[in-house]
Amino acid sequence: MDASPIAIRLLGPVDIRVDGAPLAVDTRKAVALLAFLAVTGRPASRESVGALLWPESDGPDARGALRRTLSVLNRALGGGLTIDRTSAALRAEDVGVDVMTFRAALGPAREHGHDPGRSCPACERGREDALALDRGAFMDGFGLRDSEPFDEWQVAQAESHRRELAGALERLARSRLAARSWDRAVE
């Protein structure tokens, strides 16, 4: 992953660093909010984030909790959020997210346009780069006790990553078999 001021590792146990130091926030909801913004990669409406993280709260209570969480998170990130009255987003230029780097590394191999079983050094390299980022299941060991919508989102992301990972491993093994690199295919 690159050396961005904010490094977010969600493949495996959550590890978030700001300028090399662990993220210091007082709630798991702040971590959940950051993960959601990092993976979606686009501004999220305050209303949708409130419903995602505080589904049992009414409008004013959810808005108040979100306002506080956004403030705490933005301070901990050194101003890494863009917040306005209706939405919040992570500043992409300040952030490195392993999930996004993983997907980007696999992208060229998906678009290369040749038989997936054919040996291709460029495709192999991209898959190897992606696989090097994988440390386990998406947000392994992380959960919120009171937010079923977030849990459902997290499970869907974990399943999506698992499918991408399995596909990358299978295509890498096939490519290595086609190149008659038996030991590397088994690896």
C-alpha atoms as a PDB file:
ATOM      1  CA  MET A   1       0.000   0.000   0.000  1.00  0.00           C
ATOM      2  CA  ASP A   2       1.190   3.538  -0.625  1.00  0.00           C
ATOM      3  CA  ALA A   3       2.544   5.950   1.992  1.00  0.00           C
ATOM      4  CA  SER A   4      -0.567   8.131   2.285  1.00  0.00           C
ATOM      5  CA  PRO A   5      -0.998  10.160   5.468  1.00  0.00           C
ATOM      6  CA  ILE A   6      -4.035   7.983   6.293  1.00  0.00           C
ATOM      7  CA  ALA A   7      -3.522   4.222   5.795  1.00  0.00           C
ATOM      8  CA  ILE A   8      -6.648   2.088   6.141  1.00  0.00           C
ATOM      9  CA  ARG A   9      -6.207  -1.672   6.237  1.00  0.00           C
ATOM     10  CA  LEU A  10      -9.499  -3.556   6.264  1.00  0.00           C
ATOM     11  CA  LEU A  11      -8.382  -6.886   4.767  1.00  0.00           C
ATOM     12  CA  GLY A  12      -7.894  -8.835   7.969  1.00  0.00           C
ATOM     13  CA  PRO A  13      -8.057  -7.152  11.369  1.00  0.00           C
ATOM     14  CA  VAL A  14      -8.776  -3.422  11.091  1.00  0.00           C
ATOM     15  CA  ASP A  15      -5.587  -1.340  11.211  1.00  0.00           C
ATOM     16  CA  ILE A  16      -5.904   2.396  10.631  1.00  0.00           C
ATOM     17  CA  ARG A  17      -2.916   4.709  10.869  1.00  0.00           C
ATOM     18  CA  VAL A  18      -2.663   8.477  10.643  1.00  0.00           C
ATOM     19  CA  ASP A  19       0.875   9.625   9.855  1.00  0.00           C
ATOM     20  CA  GLY A  20       2.098   6.233  11.075  1.00  0.00           C
ATOM     21  CA  ALA A  21       0.308   6.315  14.446  1.00  0.00           C
ATOM     22  CA  PRO A  22      -2.785   4.222  15.246  1.00  0.00           C
ATOM     23  CA  LEU A  23      -6.085   6.040  14.807  1.00  0.00           C
ATOM     24  CA  ALA A  24      -7.278   7.354  18.176  1.00  0.00           C
ATOM     25  CA  VAL A  25     -11.072   7.517  18.389  1.00  0.00           C
ATOM     26  CA  ASP A  26     -13.391   6.779  21.283  1.00  0.00           C
ATOM     27  CA  THR A  27     -16.038   4.644  19.543  1.00  0.00           C
ATOM     28  CA  ARG A  28     -16.227   1.683  17.208  1.00  0.00           C
ATOM     29  CA  LYS A  29     -18.855   3.623  15.242  1.00  0.00           C
ATOM     30  CA  ALA A  30     -16.147   6.094  14.202  1.00  0.00           C
ATOM     31  CA  VAL A  31     -14.116   3.187  12.813  1.00  0.00           C
ATOM     32  CA  ALA A  32     -17.230   1.775  11.110  1.00  0.00           C
ATOM     33  CA  LEU A  33     -18.001   5.177   9.583  1.00  0.00           C
ATOM     34  CA  LEU A  34     -14.448   5.521   8.300  1.00  0.00           C
ATOM     35  CA  ALA A  35     -14.505   2.005   6.819  1.00  0.00           C
ATOM     36  CA  PHE A  36     -17.806   2.728   5.070  1.00  0.00           C
ATOM     37  CA  LEU A  37     -16.573   6.014   3.592  1.00  0.00           C
ATOM     38  CA  ALA A  38     -13.258   4.431   2.553  1.00  0.00           C
ATOM     39  CA  VAL A  39     -14.812   1.459   0.758  1.00  0.00           C
ATOM     40  CA  THR A  40     -17.644   3.320  -0.943  1.00  0.00           C
ATOM     41  CA  GLY A  41     -15.205   5.989  -2.105  1.00  0.00           C
ATOM     42  CA  ARG A  42     -17.870   8.643  -2.534  1.00  0.00           C
ATOM     43  CA  PRO A  43     -19.779  11.143  -0.395  1.00  0.00           C
ATOM     44  CA  ALA A  44     -22.475   9.586   1.777  1.00  0.00           C
ATOM     45  CA  SER A  45     -25.571  11.432   2.856  1.00  0.00           C
ATOM     46  CA  ARG A  46     -25.826  12.100   6.556  1.00  0.00           C
ATOM     47  CA  GLU A  47     -29.273  10.512   6.513  1.00  0.00           C
ATOM     48  CA  SER A  48     -28.027   7.222   5.042  1.00  0.00           C
ATOM     49  CA  VAL A  49     -25.044   7.050   7.415  1.00  0.00           C
ATOM     50  CA  GLY A  50     -27.317   7.757  10.385  1.00  0.00           C
ATOM     51  CA  ALA A  51     -29.621   4.912   9.332  1.00  0.00           C
ATOM     52  CA  LEU A  52     -26.623   2.613   8.786  1.00  0.00           C
ATOM     53  CA  LEU A  53     -24.973   3.213  12.157  1.00  0.00           C
ATOM     54  CA  TRP A  54     -27.861   4.240  14.427  1.00  0.00           C
ATOM     55  CA  PRO A  55     -30.861   2.367  13.007  1.00  0.00           C
ATOM     56  CA  GLU A  56     -32.785   2.354  16.305  1.00  0.00           C
ATOM     57  CA  SER A  57     -32.408   6.092  16.947  1.00  0.00           C
ATOM     58  CA  ASP A  58     -34.902   8.656  15.796  1.00  0.00           C
ATOM     59  CA  GLY A  59     -33.839  11.456  13.439  1.00  0.00           C
ATOM     60  CA  PRO A  60     -32.544  14.061  15.935  1.00  0.00           C
ATOM     61  CA  ASP A  61     -30.719  11.503  18.098  1.00  0.00           C
ATOM     62  CA  ALA A  62     -29.062   9.844  15.082  1.00  0.00           C
ATOM     63  CA  ARG A  63     -28.112  13.240  13.643  1.00  0.00           C
ATOM     64  CA  GLY A  64     -26.583  14.324  16.959  1.00  0.00           C
ATOM     65  CA  ALA A  65     -24.604  11.096  17.319  1.00  0.00           C
ATOM     66  CA  LEU A  66     -23.424  11.366  13.719  1.00  0.00           C
ATOM     67  CA  ARG A  67     -22.424  15.019  14.152  1.00  0.00           C
ATOM     68  CA  ARG A  68     -20.318  14.130  17.207  1.00  0.00           C
ATOM     69  CA  THR A  69     -18.779  11.069  15.519  1.00  0.00           C
ATOM     70  CA  LEU A  70     -17.898  13.043  12.393  1.00  0.00           C
ATOM     71  CA  SER A  71     -16.261  15.741  14.518  1.00  0.00           C
ATOM     72  CA  VAL A  72     -14.207  13.250  16.555  1.00  0.00           C
ATOM     73  CA  LEU A  73     -13.217  11.289  13.449  1.00  0.00           C
ATOM     74  CA  ASN A  74     -12.269  14.375  11.446  1.00  0.00           C
ATOM     75  CA  ARG A  75     -10.080  15.621  14.303  1.00  0.00           C
ATOM     76  CA  ALA A  76      -8.394  12.198  14.643  1.00  0.00           C
ATOM     77  CA  LEU A  77      -7.734  12.153  10.884  1.00  0.00           C
ATOM     78  CA  GLY A  78      -6.206  15.598  10.932  1.00  0.00           C
ATOM     79  CA  GLY A  79      -8.997  16.999   8.772  1.00  0.00           C
ATOM     80  CA  GLY A  80      -9.169  14.057   6.360  1.00  0.00           C
ATOM     81  CA  LEU A  81     -12.930  14.360   5.893  1.00  0.00           C
ATOM     82  CA  THR A  82     -14.954  16.703   3.750  1.00  0.00           C
ATOM     83  CA  ILE A  83     -18.143  17.450   5.664  1.00  0.00           C
ATOM     84  CA  ASP A  84     -21.065  19.652   4.746  1.00  0.00           C
ATOM     85  CA  ARG A  85     -24.657  19.956   5.933  1.00  0.00           C
ATOM     86  CA  THR A  86     -25.901  17.016   3.891  1.00  0.00           C
ATOM     87  CA  SER A  87     -22.969  14.649   3.370  1.00  0.00           C
ATOM     88  CA  ALA A  88     -19.551  13.427   4.428  1.00  0.00           C
ATOM     89  CA  ALA A  89     -16.679  11.999   2.409  1.00  0.00           C
ATOM     90  CA  LEU A  90     -13.099  10.921   2.850  1.00  0.00           C
ATOM     91  CA  ARG A  91     -10.520  12.999   0.983  1.00  0.00           C
ATOM     92  CA  ALA A  92      -9.168  10.479  -1.516  1.00  0.00           C
ATOM     93  CA  GLU A  93      -5.843  12.275  -1.943  1.00  0.00           C
ATOM     94  CA  ASP A  94      -5.031  11.752   1.747  1.00  0.00           C
ATOM     95  CA  VAL A  95      -5.943   8.071   1.981  1.00  0.00           C
ATOM     96  CA  GLY A  96      -4.580   4.654   1.071  1.00  0.00           C
ATOM     97  CA  VAL A  97      -7.143   1.863   1.414  1.00  0.00           C
ATOM     98  CA  ASP A  98      -5.980  -1.733   1.030  1.00  0.00           C
ATOM     99  CA  VAL A  99      -9.356  -2.866  -0.352  1.00  0.00           C
ATOM    100  CA  MET A 100      -9.174  -0.296  -3.147  1.00  0.00           C
ATOM    101  CA  THR A 101      -5.509  -1.064  -3.853  1.00  0.00           C
ATOM    102  CA  PHE A 102      -6.389  -4.783  -3.980  1.00  0.00           C
ATOM    103  CA  ARG A 103      -9.152  -4.155  -6.531  1.00  0.00           C
ATOM    104  CA  ALA A 104      -6.983  -1.796  -8.586  1.00  0.00           C
ATOM    105  CA  ALA A 105      -4.197  -4.386  -8.787  1.00  0.00           C
ATOM    106  CA  LEU A 106      -6.663  -6.954 -10.162  1.00  0.00           C
ATOM    107  CA  GLY A 107      -8.229  -4.534 -12.655  1.00  0.00           C
ATOM    108  CA  PRO A 108      -5.724  -4.770 -15.529  1.00  0.00           C
ATOM    109  CA  ALA A 109      -5.799  -8.593 -15.471  1.00  0.00           C
ATOM    110  CA  ARG A 110      -9.607  -8.534 -15.770  1.00  0.00           C
ATOM    111  CA  GLU A 111      -9.411  -6.210 -18.764  1.00  0.00           C
ATOM    112  CA  HIS A 112      -6.430  -7.814 -20.476  1.00  0.00           C
ATOM    113  CA  GLY A 113      -8.664  -9.748 -22.856  1.00  0.00           C
ATOM    114  CA  HIS A 114      -6.852 -13.058 -23.236  1.00  0.00           C
ATOM    115  CA  ASP A 115      -7.714 -16.617 -22.217  1.00  0.00           C
ATOM    116  CA  PRO A 116      -7.619 -16.629 -18.387  1.00  0.00           C
ATOM    117  CA  GLY A 117      -5.725 -19.941 -18.420  1.00  0.00           C
ATOM    118  CA  ARG A 118      -2.899 -18.501 -20.488  1.00  0.00           C
ATOM    119  CA  SER A 119       0.362 -17.574 -18.806  1.00  0.00           C
ATOM    120  CA  CYS A 120       0.756 -13.800 -18.682  1.00  0.00           C
ATOM    121  CA  PRO A 121       3.518 -12.161 -16.606  1.00  0.00           C
ATOM    122  CA  ALA A 122       1.678  -8.828 -16.433  1.00  0.00           C
ATOM    123  CA  CYS A 123      -1.528 -10.425 -15.156  1.00  0.00           C
ATOM    124  CA  GLU A 124       0.415 -12.620 -12.722  1.00  0.00           C
ATOM    125  CA  ARG A 125       2.228  -9.588 -11.317  1.00  0.00           C
ATOM    126  CA  GLY A 126      -1.049  -7.730 -10.705  1.00  0.00           C
ATOM    127  CA  ARG A 127      -2.591 -10.732  -8.993  1.00  0.00           C
ATOM    128  CA  GLU A 128       0.514 -11.258  -6.864  1.00  0.00           C
ATOM    129  CA  ASP A 129       0.444  -7.575  -5.854  1.00  0.00           C
ATOM    130  CA  ALA A 130      -3.221  -7.891  -4.887  1.00  0.00           C
ATOM    131  CA  LEU A 131      -2.718 -11.118  -2.966  1.00  0.00           C
ATOM    132  CA  ALA A 132       0.170  -9.604  -1.000  1.00  0.00           C
ATOM    133  CA  LEU A 133      -2.339  -7.144   0.522  1.00  0.00           C
ATOM    134  CA  ASP A 134      -4.668  -9.841   1.819  1.00  0.00           C
ATOM    135  CA  ARG A 135      -4.351 -10.421   5.576  1.00  0.00           C
ATOM    136  CA  GLY A 136      -7.656 -12.239   6.061  1.00  0.00           C
ATOM    137  CA  ALA A 137     -11.402 -11.660   5.958  1.00  0.00           C
ATOM    138  CA  PHE A 138     -12.744  -8.134   5.488  1.00  0.00           C
ATOM    139  CA  MET A 139     -12.687  -6.334   8.872  1.00  0.00           C
ATOM    140  CA  ASP A 140     -11.933  -9.633  10.595  1.00  0.00           C
ATOM    141  CA  GLY A 141     -12.999  -9.539  14.243  1.00  0.00           C
ATOM    142  CA  PHE A 142     -14.784  -6.173  13.965  1.00  0.00           C
ATOM    143  CA  GLY A 143     -18.474  -5.715  14.656  1.00  0.00           C
ATOM    144  CA  LEU A 144     -21.063  -3.381  16.090  1.00  0.00           C
ATOM    145  CA  ARG A 145     -23.526  -4.684  18.672  1.00  0.00           C
ATOM    146  CA  ASP A 146     -26.379  -2.394  17.798  1.00  0.00           C
ATOM    147  CA  SER A 147     -26.280  -1.840  14.062  1.00  0.00           C
ATOM    148  CA  GLU A 148     -27.679  -4.650  11.961  1.00  0.00           C
ATOM    149  CA  PRO A 149     -27.544  -2.578   8.734  1.00  0.00           C
ATOM    150  CA  PHE A 150     -23.799  -2.021   9.190  1.00  0.00           C
ATOM    151  CA  ASP A 151     -23.283  -5.705  10.002  1.00  0.00           C
ATOM    152  CA  GLU A 152     -25.122  -6.635   6.793  1.00  0.00           C
ATOM    153  CA  TRP A 153     -22.978  -4.222   4.781  1.00  0.00           C
ATOM    154  CA  GLN A 154     -19.829  -5.653   6.376  1.00  0.00           C
ATOM    155  CA  VAL A 155     -20.878  -9.253   5.613  1.00  0.00           C
ATOM    156  CA  ALA A 156     -21.614  -8.308   1.982  1.00  0.00           C
ATOM    157  CA  GLN A 157     -18.193  -6.666   1.656  1.00  0.00           C
ATOM    158  CA  ALA A 158     -16.510  -9.710   3.215  1.00  0.00           C
ATOM    159  CA  GLU A 159     -18.274 -12.032   0.771  1.00  0.00           C
ATOM    160  CA  SER A 160     -17.364  -9.836  -2.189  1.00  0.00           C
ATOM    161  CA  HIS A 161     -13.714  -9.826  -1.121  1.00  0.00           C
ATOM    162  CA  ARG A 162     -13.748 -13.592  -0.595  1.00  0.00           C
ATOM    163  CA  ARG A 163     -15.048 -14.107  -4.160  1.00  0.00           C
ATOM    164  CA  GLU A 164     -12.456 -11.711  -5.627  1.00  0.00           C
ATOM    165  CA  LEU A 165      -9.699 -13.423  -3.665  1.00  0.00           C
ATOM    166  CA  ALA A 166     -10.774 -16.925  -4.710  1.00  0.00           C
ATOM    167  CA  GLY A 167     -10.991 -15.846  -8.351  1.00  0.00           C
ATOM    168  CA  ALA A 168      -7.551 -14.244  -8.253  1.00  0.00           C
ATOM    169  CA  LEU A 169      -6.015 -17.335  -6.655  1.00  0.00           C
ATOM    170  CA  GLU A 170      -7.647 -19.644  -9.197  1.00  0.00           C
ATOM    171  CA  ARG A 171      -6.536 -17.558 -12.194  1.00  0.00           C
ATOM    172  CA  LEU A 172      -3.019 -17.224 -10.797  1.00  0.00           C
ATOM    173  CA  ALA A 173      -2.769 -21.005 -10.320  1.00  0.00           C
ATOM    174  CA  ARG A 174      -4.053 -21.634 -13.873  1.00  0.00           C
ATOM    175  CA  SER A 175      -1.593 -19.143 -15.309  1.00  0.00           C
ATOM    176  CA  ARG A 176       1.278 -20.803 -13.478  1.00  0.00           C
ATOM    177  CA  LEU A 177       0.131 -24.244 -14.645  1.00  0.00           C
ATOM    178  CA  ALA A 178       0.039 -22.985 -18.229  1.00  0.00           C
ATOM    179  CA  ALA A 179       3.627 -21.793 -17.782  1.00  0.00           C
ATOM    180  CA  ARG A 180       4.499 -25.236 -16.364  1.00  0.00           C
ATOM    181  CA  SER A 181       5.576 -23.635 -13.074  1.00  0.00           C
ATOM    182  CA  TRP A 182       4.309 -26.546 -11.025  1.00  0.00           C
ATOM    183  CA  ASP A 183       5.798 -25.512  -7.680  1.00  0.00           C
ATOM    184  CA  ARG A 184       4.532 -21.950  -8.044  1.00  0.00           C
ATOM    185  CA  ALA A 185       1.063 -23.204  -9.058  1.00  0.00           C
ATOM    186  CA  VAL A 186       0.873 -25.323  -5.894  1.00  0.00           C
ATOM    187  CA  GLU A 187       2.013 -22.317  -3.852  1.00  0.00           C
END
